[in-house]
Amino acid sequence: MVTTLAQVPLDRAPISRPSVRVLLIDDADRLLLFSAGERADGTLRWFTAGGGVHPGESHEQAALREIREETGLTDVTLSREVWRGRPWTTVRNGVTYEIEQRYYLARVTAFEIDTSGFEDFEGATITGHRWWTVSDLAATNDTLRPAGLPQP
């Protein structure tokens, strides 16, 4: 559930949740995305690998940990930060969080995804993964995050 700051009760300020996302691009120029939340019309929401920054972690350390947990890949070189997403809010277990995302890029050799490192929450909500070409991204009716992915 995504909310706006205007919907957050005044007596409860959202809790800041720094997070990282990684644009993993393989040697065939395909982007890895994960899916969740099939909607009534059959469409899905697709998003990049990543998640929250743990206390004491740098954003880069969190990005590498998230890639390892979500894909099994351990030998990754990150680019510098390539983008910061617009903060957005979500409610989980009755707590409102303001998500502040930093994006990184990593070029990798194509590999078989290993999701055995998923945290319980990820295992319960992530429904699949796939490597996308630019033309696949441009042709889909599914929701892509970040928005604007198919543009060159």
Protein backbone atom coordinates (compact mmCIF):
# COMPACT_ATOMS: atom_id res chain seq x y z
CA MET A 1 0.00 0.00 0.00
CA VAL A 2 1.52 3.32 -1.05
CA THR A 3 0.34 6.50 0.61
CA THR A 4 1.16 10.16 0.29
CA LEU A 5 2.47 12.30 3.12
CA ALA A 6 -0.90 14.08 3.20
CA GLN A 7 -2.50 10.77 4.27
CA VAL A 8 -0.15 10.22 7.24
CA PRO A 9 -1.82 11.03 10.59
CA LEU A 10 -0.42 14.26 12.02
CA ASP A 11 0.44 12.62 15.35
CA ARG A 12 2.70 10.05 13.64
CA ALA A 13 5.51 11.27 11.44
CA PRO A 14 6.77 8.67 8.96
CA ILE A 15 9.92 6.80 9.90
CA SER A 16 12.77 7.39 7.47
CA ARG A 17 13.84 4.18 5.72
CA PRO A 18 16.93 4.61 3.54
CA SER A 19 17.07 1.99 0.83
CA VAL A 20 19.02 1.00 -2.25
CA ARG A 21 18.05 -0.37 -5.66
CA VAL A 22 20.39 -1.92 -8.19
CA LEU A 23 19.95 -1.88 -11.94
CA LEU A 24 21.50 -5.28 -12.72
CA ILE A 25 22.22 -5.46 -16.45
CA ASP A 26 23.61 -8.62 -18.02
CA ASP A 27 25.96 -9.02 -20.97
CA ALA A 28 22.95 -9.21 -23.34
CA ASP A 29 21.82 -5.75 -22.10
CA ARG A 30 18.85 -7.19 -20.21
CA LEU A 31 17.65 -5.73 -16.91
CA LEU A 32 16.74 -8.00 -13.99
CA LEU A 33 13.39 -7.19 -12.37
CA PHE A 34 11.37 -8.90 -9.66
CA SER A 35 7.56 -9.07 -9.62
CA ALA A 36 4.89 -8.72 -6.96
CA GLY A 37 1.26 -7.86 -6.51
CA GLU A 38 -0.83 -9.27 -9.32
CA ARG A 39 -3.69 -6.85 -9.84
CA ALA A 40 -7.30 -7.64 -10.74
CA ASP A 41 -6.52 -6.98 -14.40
CA GLY A 42 -3.71 -9.56 -14.32
CA THR A 43 -0.85 -7.05 -14.47
CA LEU A 44 2.13 -7.15 -12.13
CA ARG A 45 4.42 -4.60 -10.51
CA TRP A 46 8.09 -5.09 -11.49
CA PHE A 47 11.04 -3.59 -9.62
CA THR A 48 14.80 -3.76 -9.35
CA ALA A 49 16.80 -5.73 -6.79
CA GLY A 50 17.34 -3.94 -3.51
CA GLY A 51 15.96 -3.10 -0.12
CA GLY A 52 16.56 -1.33 3.15
CA VAL A 53 19.89 -0.13 4.49
CA HIS A 54 20.66 -1.78 7.83
CA PRO A 55 22.04 0.33 10.71
CA GLY A 56 25.80 0.76 10.31
CA GLU A 57 25.79 -0.17 6.61
CA SER A 58 26.76 2.17 3.82
CA HIS A 59 24.41 2.35 0.85
CA GLU A 60 26.98 0.47 -1.23
CA GLN A 61 27.30 -2.30 1.38
CA ALA A 62 23.51 -2.61 1.52
CA ALA A 63 23.33 -2.84 -2.30
CA LEU A 64 25.86 -5.67 -2.38
CA ARG A 65 24.09 -7.51 0.48
CA GLU A 66 20.71 -7.16 -1.22
CA ILE A 67 22.09 -8.48 -4.52
CA ARG A 68 23.58 -11.48 -2.68
CA GLU A 69 20.32 -12.17 -0.79
CA GLU A 70 18.03 -11.75 -3.79
CA THR A 71 20.10 -13.28 -6.59
CA GLY A 72 22.92 -15.33 -5.01
CA LEU A 73 25.48 -13.23 -6.88
CA THR A 74 28.55 -12.31 -4.83
CA ASP A 75 31.15 -10.92 -7.22
CA VAL A 76 29.61 -7.58 -8.19
CA THR A 77 31.16 -4.21 -8.93
CA LEU A 78 28.77 -1.32 -8.42
CA SER A 79 28.86 1.91 -10.35
CA ARG A 80 28.70 5.16 -8.48
CA GLU A 81 25.21 6.22 -7.46
CA VAL A 82 23.26 6.89 -10.67
CA TRP A 83 20.00 8.33 -9.36
CA ARG A 84 17.93 9.17 -6.28
CA GLY A 85 14.27 8.37 -6.37
CA ARG A 86 11.60 10.75 -5.15
CA PRO A 87 10.76 9.82 -1.52
CA TRP A 88 7.49 7.94 -1.11
CA THR A 89 5.63 6.46 1.83
CA THR A 90 4.29 3.02 2.60
CA VAL A 91 2.56 1.43 5.57
CA ARG A 92 3.76 -1.94 6.84
CA ASN A 93 2.26 -3.54 9.96
CA GLY A 94 0.61 -0.23 10.86
CA VAL A 95 3.87 1.75 10.70
CA THR A 96 4.34 4.48 8.10
CA TYR A 97 7.76 4.64 6.45
CA GLU A 98 9.20 7.26 4.13
CA ILE A 99 11.32 5.39 1.60
CA GLU A 100 14.39 7.21 0.30
CA GLN A 101 16.00 5.23 -2.52
CA ARG A 102 19.44 5.47 -4.06
CA TYR A 103 20.06 3.63 -7.32
CA TYR A 104 23.26 1.94 -8.48
CA LEU A 105 24.17 0.14 -11.69
CA ALA A 106 26.01 -3.18 -12.00
CA ARG A 107 26.96 -4.95 -15.22
CA VAL A 108 27.09 -8.72 -14.80
CA THR A 109 27.50 -11.85 -16.88
CA ALA A 110 24.15 -13.61 -17.33
CA PHE A 111 23.58 -16.07 -14.48
CA GLU A 112 20.89 -18.26 -12.91
CA ILE A 113 19.03 -16.37 -10.17
CA ASP A 114 19.16 -17.96 -6.70
CA THR A 115 16.44 -16.58 -4.41
CA SER A 116 17.20 -18.90 -1.48
CA GLY A 117 18.57 -15.89 0.44
CA PHE A 118 15.21 -14.08 0.45
CA GLU A 119 14.08 -12.71 3.80
CA ASP A 120 10.65 -13.97 4.96
CA PHE A 121 8.92 -10.79 3.78
CA GLU A 122 10.48 -11.10 0.32
CA GLY A 123 9.56 -14.76 0.02
CA ALA A 124 5.96 -13.95 0.89
CA THR A 125 5.58 -11.01 -1.52
CA ILE A 126 7.91 -11.53 -4.50
CA THR A 127 6.20 -13.68 -7.11
CA GLY A 128 8.92 -14.01 -9.74
CA HIS A 129 11.85 -12.55 -11.62
CA ARG A 130 12.86 -12.09 -15.21
CA TRP A 131 15.50 -10.53 -17.44
CA TRP A 132 13.95 -7.76 -19.61
CA THR A 133 15.16 -6.29 -22.90
CA VAL A 134 14.47 -2.63 -23.69
CA SER A 135 11.80 -3.71 -26.18
CA ASP A 136 10.18 -5.96 -23.52
CA LEU A 137 10.04 -3.00 -21.14
CA ALA A 138 8.54 -0.71 -23.77
CA ALA A 139 5.87 -3.27 -24.70
CA THR A 140 4.57 -4.26 -21.25
CA ASN A 141 1.33 -3.09 -19.65
CA ASP A 142 2.70 -4.03 -16.22
CA THR A 143 3.83 -1.37 -13.76
CA LEU A 144 7.59 -0.76 -13.81
CA ARG A 145 9.60 0.76 -10.97
CA PRO A 146 11.27 3.05 -11.34
CA ALA A 147 8.86 4.53 -13.84
CA GLY A 148 10.33 5.40 -17.22
CA LEU A 149 12.53 2.32 -17.56
CA PRO A 150 11.97 1.74 -21.29
CA GLN A 151 13.17 5.20 -22.29
CA PRO A 152 16.76 5.21 -23.61
